[in-house]
Amino acid sequence: MQTQTKKRYYSPQEYLELEEAAEYKSEYIDGEIVPMTGGSINHNRIIVNFAAFLKFALRGKGYELFTSDVRVWIPSYRIYTYPDVMVISGEPVLHENRTDTITNPLMIAEVLSKSTKNYDQGDKFDYYRSIPNFREYVLINQYKFHVQHFAKTPDGKWLLTDYESADSVLPLSAFEFQIQLSDIYEGVNFEMNEE
């Protein structure tokens, strides 16, 4: 006879207290604490490349850039998550005055790994779309030249464009920015066997 282990559900406050003391980051999904998978060299290279180009392009234009150390709170789904890269317009809107959690991302980019690809392309995108300010979602494949760009149209529809070559140029419409895929993938070794 099999016994089922009862799942432990946490309040948002319990999660935040545990997260402050934790050695590794976890996400919070409506009562469940989900440990985040570790990154890889290519994953990190892509984040750094993308963030560096964004940082210099947006300097002095009223936008702010954050990487995976700042959380987003998604109230509609009761989720705390750490996007790889995000941009906000103006000042960060802090959740409960916490300096590590915001609620107003304009653009989010996620670098896909084998373990997170389906979640990032599916449920996580659904969650992000519930954020009123959210306008663009960029999914970057770390195993080959492939970027998916979702942009919210003025009538509230989401338009997908795929980019699949090193000389393709990814334009973002929420703010004035474009980047060549070869710059996003600079230094990335597709031959590395990584998760």
Protein backbone atom coordinates (compact mmCIF):
# COMPACT_ATOMS: atom_id res chain seq x y z
CA MET A 1 0.00 0.00 0.00
CA GLN A 2 1.36 3.39 -1.01
CA THR A 3 1.19 6.35 1.27
CA GLN A 4 0.94 9.84 -0.13
CA THR A 5 3.04 12.59 1.30
CA LYS A 6 0.96 15.66 1.94
CA LYS A 7 2.36 18.75 0.26
CA ARG A 8 3.26 21.62 2.53
CA TYR A 9 1.79 24.94 1.49
CA TYR A 10 3.41 28.20 2.57
CA SER A 11 2.04 31.70 2.93
CA PRO A 12 3.78 34.41 0.90
CA GLN A 13 5.24 35.76 4.16
CA GLU A 14 6.65 32.34 5.11
CA TYR A 15 8.24 32.06 1.67
CA LEU A 16 9.85 35.49 1.94
CA GLU A 17 11.27 34.69 5.37
CA LEU A 18 12.68 31.37 4.14
CA GLU A 19 14.05 32.99 0.98
CA GLU A 20 15.97 35.61 2.98
CA ALA A 21 17.85 32.86 4.83
CA ALA A 22 18.20 30.41 1.92
CA GLU A 23 21.50 29.61 0.22
CA TYR A 24 19.76 29.08 -3.13
CA LYS A 25 16.88 30.94 -4.77
CA SER A 26 13.41 29.45 -5.04
CA GLU A 27 10.23 30.62 -6.70
CA TYR A 28 6.86 30.75 -4.99
CA ILE A 29 3.84 29.47 -6.90
CA ASP A 30 0.55 29.85 -5.03
CA GLY A 31 1.69 28.21 -1.81
CA GLU A 32 4.43 25.96 -3.16
CA ILE A 33 8.14 26.71 -2.97
CA VAL A 34 9.95 25.55 -6.09
CA PRO A 35 13.79 25.46 -6.05
CA MET A 36 15.35 27.13 -9.07
CA THR A 37 17.67 25.12 -11.25
CA GLY A 38 21.29 26.18 -11.49
CA GLY A 39 22.49 28.19 -14.45
CA SER A 40 25.18 27.28 -16.94
CA ILE A 41 28.08 29.10 -18.55
CA ASN A 42 26.16 29.71 -21.78
CA HIS A 43 23.06 30.76 -19.86
CA ASN A 44 25.10 33.34 -17.97
CA ARG A 45 26.90 34.58 -21.10
CA ILE A 46 23.58 35.25 -22.80
CA ILE A 47 22.17 37.12 -19.79
CA VAL A 48 25.31 39.26 -19.47
CA ASN A 49 25.44 40.03 -23.21
CA PHE A 50 21.77 40.98 -23.44
CA ALA A 51 21.84 43.03 -20.22
CA ALA A 52 25.04 44.87 -21.21
CA PHE A 53 23.61 46.02 -24.54
CA LEU A 54 20.33 47.02 -22.87
CA LYS A 55 22.10 48.93 -20.10
CA PHE A 56 24.03 51.15 -22.48
CA ALA A 57 21.14 51.64 -24.92
CA LEU A 58 18.71 52.69 -22.19
CA ARG A 59 21.02 54.95 -20.20
CA GLY A 60 19.40 58.33 -19.50
CA LYS A 61 16.07 57.36 -21.13
CA GLY A 62 13.92 56.72 -18.05
CA TYR A 63 14.17 52.92 -17.98
CA GLU A 64 15.81 50.64 -15.46
CA LEU A 65 17.29 47.19 -16.00
CA PHE A 66 17.29 44.29 -13.54
CA THR A 67 18.70 40.78 -13.70
CA SER A 68 17.85 37.61 -11.82
CA ASP A 69 18.50 38.93 -8.30
CA VAL A 70 15.28 40.98 -8.27
CA ARG A 71 11.93 39.20 -7.93
CA VAL A 72 8.61 39.96 -9.58
CA TRP A 73 5.37 39.56 -7.64
CA ILE A 74 2.42 38.47 -9.79
CA PRO A 75 -0.65 39.03 -7.59
CA SER A 76 -3.26 37.45 -9.91
CA TYR A 77 -1.54 34.07 -9.53
CA ARG A 78 0.23 34.56 -6.16
CA ILE A 79 3.67 34.03 -7.66
CA TYR A 80 7.14 35.30 -6.84
CA THR A 81 9.63 34.65 -9.63
CA TYR A 82 13.10 35.76 -10.73
CA PRO A 83 13.22 36.72 -14.44
CA ASP A 84 16.63 36.49 -16.11
CA VAL A 85 16.42 40.07 -17.43
CA MET A 86 13.70 42.69 -17.08
CA VAL A 87 13.23 46.35 -17.87
CA ILE A 88 10.86 48.78 -16.17
CA SER A 89 9.77 52.26 -17.17
CA GLY A 90 10.35 54.96 -14.57
CA GLU A 91 10.71 54.00 -10.93
CA PRO A 92 10.30 50.46 -9.65
CA VAL A 93 6.95 49.77 -8.01
CA LEU A 94 7.98 47.87 -4.90
CA HIS A 95 5.84 45.08 -3.49
CA GLU A 96 5.14 45.81 0.18
CA ASN A 97 8.10 48.25 0.19
CA ARG A 98 10.54 45.37 -0.34
CA THR A 99 13.64 46.47 -2.23
CA ASP A 100 14.06 43.00 -3.75
CA THR A 101 10.58 42.63 -5.30
CA ILE A 102 8.87 44.73 -7.99
CA THR A 103 5.49 44.60 -9.72
CA ASN A 104 5.93 46.69 -12.88
CA PRO A 105 8.10 44.95 -15.51
CA LEU A 106 7.65 46.29 -19.03
CA MET A 107 9.85 43.70 -20.76
CA ILE A 108 11.07 40.32 -19.54
CA ALA A 109 13.64 38.03 -21.13
CA GLU A 110 14.19 34.40 -20.14
CA VAL A 111 17.05 32.20 -21.30
CA LEU A 112 15.64 28.76 -22.00
CA SER A 113 17.17 25.61 -20.55
CA LYS A 114 16.07 22.03 -21.07
CA SER A 115 14.48 21.93 -17.61
CA THR A 116 12.62 25.29 -17.83
CA LYS A 117 11.78 25.61 -21.55
CA ASN A 118 8.19 24.32 -21.38
CA TYR A 119 7.38 26.31 -18.24
CA ASP A 120 8.88 29.55 -19.63
CA GLN A 121 6.98 29.19 -22.92
CA GLY A 122 3.69 28.11 -21.32
CA ASP A 123 2.42 28.79 -17.81
CA LYS A 124 5.04 31.40 -16.96
CA PHE A 125 4.08 33.46 -20.01
CA ASP A 126 0.43 33.22 -18.92
CA TYR A 127 1.41 34.52 -15.48
CA TYR A 128 3.47 37.39 -16.87
CA ARG A 129 0.65 38.47 -19.19
CA SER A 130 -1.53 39.20 -16.14
CA ILE A 131 0.82 42.09 -15.21
CA PRO A 132 -0.79 45.34 -16.49
CA ASN A 133 2.49 47.07 -17.52
CA PHE A 134 3.94 44.00 -19.26
CA ARG A 135 4.44 44.54 -23.03
CA GLU A 136 7.25 42.28 -24.33
CA TYR A 137 8.55 38.79 -23.69
CA VAL A 138 11.81 37.52 -25.14
CA LEU A 139 12.73 33.82 -24.99
CA ILE A 140 16.35 33.06 -25.85
CA ASN A 141 17.37 29.49 -26.68
CA GLN A 142 20.84 28.77 -25.27
CA TYR A 143 21.51 25.76 -27.53
CA LYS A 144 21.18 27.39 -30.97
CA PHE A 145 20.44 30.72 -32.63
CA HIS A 146 16.75 31.07 -31.87
CA VAL A 147 14.93 33.94 -30.18
CA GLN A 148 11.16 34.16 -29.81
CA HIS A 149 9.80 37.67 -29.37
CA PHE A 150 6.26 38.26 -28.13
CA ALA A 151 4.98 41.84 -28.34
CA LYS A 152 1.63 43.12 -27.10
CA THR A 153 -0.23 45.04 -29.79
CA PRO A 154 -2.29 48.18 -29.03
CA ASP A 155 -5.47 46.07 -29.22
CA GLY A 156 -4.17 43.63 -26.57
CA LYS A 157 -3.13 40.76 -28.81
CA TRP A 158 0.30 39.11 -28.54
CA LEU A 159 2.34 38.91 -31.76
CA LEU A 160 5.11 36.27 -32.05
CA THR A 161 8.19 36.74 -34.24
CA ASP A 162 10.96 34.13 -34.48
CA TYR A 163 14.62 34.99 -35.18
CA GLU A 164 16.94 32.13 -36.13
CA SER A 165 20.19 33.37 -37.63
CA ALA A 166 23.24 35.13 -36.26
CA ASP A 167 22.64 38.18 -38.47
CA SER A 168 18.96 38.57 -37.49
CA VAL A 169 18.13 41.76 -35.60
CA LEU A 170 15.75 41.66 -32.65
CA PRO A 171 13.85 44.96 -32.27
CA LEU A 172 11.96 45.76 -29.07
CA SER A 173 8.94 48.03 -29.38
CA ALA A 174 8.24 48.96 -25.73
CA PHE A 175 11.32 51.18 -25.89
CA GLU A 176 13.80 52.05 -28.63
CA PHE A 177 16.21 49.12 -28.78
CA GLN A 178 17.50 46.56 -31.23
CA ILE A 179 20.22 43.93 -31.02
CA GLN A 180 21.77 41.50 -33.45
CA LEU A 181 21.57 37.83 -32.41
CA SER A 182 25.33 37.54 -32.86
CA ASP A 183 25.68 40.07 -30.01
CA ILE A 184 23.26 38.15 -27.77
CA TYR A 185 25.19 34.93 -28.41
CA GLU A 186 28.72 36.37 -28.28
CA GLY A 187 31.05 33.83 -26.66
CA VAL A 188 28.38 31.11 -26.50
CA ASN A 189 29.67 27.64 -27.35
CA PHE A 190 26.80 25.52 -28.69
CA GLU A 191 29.01 22.42 -28.44
CA MET A 192 29.02 22.58 -24.61
CA ASN A 193 26.86 19.84 -23.10
CA GLU A 194 24.87 21.81 -20.55
CA GLU A 195 21.52 21.58 -18.84
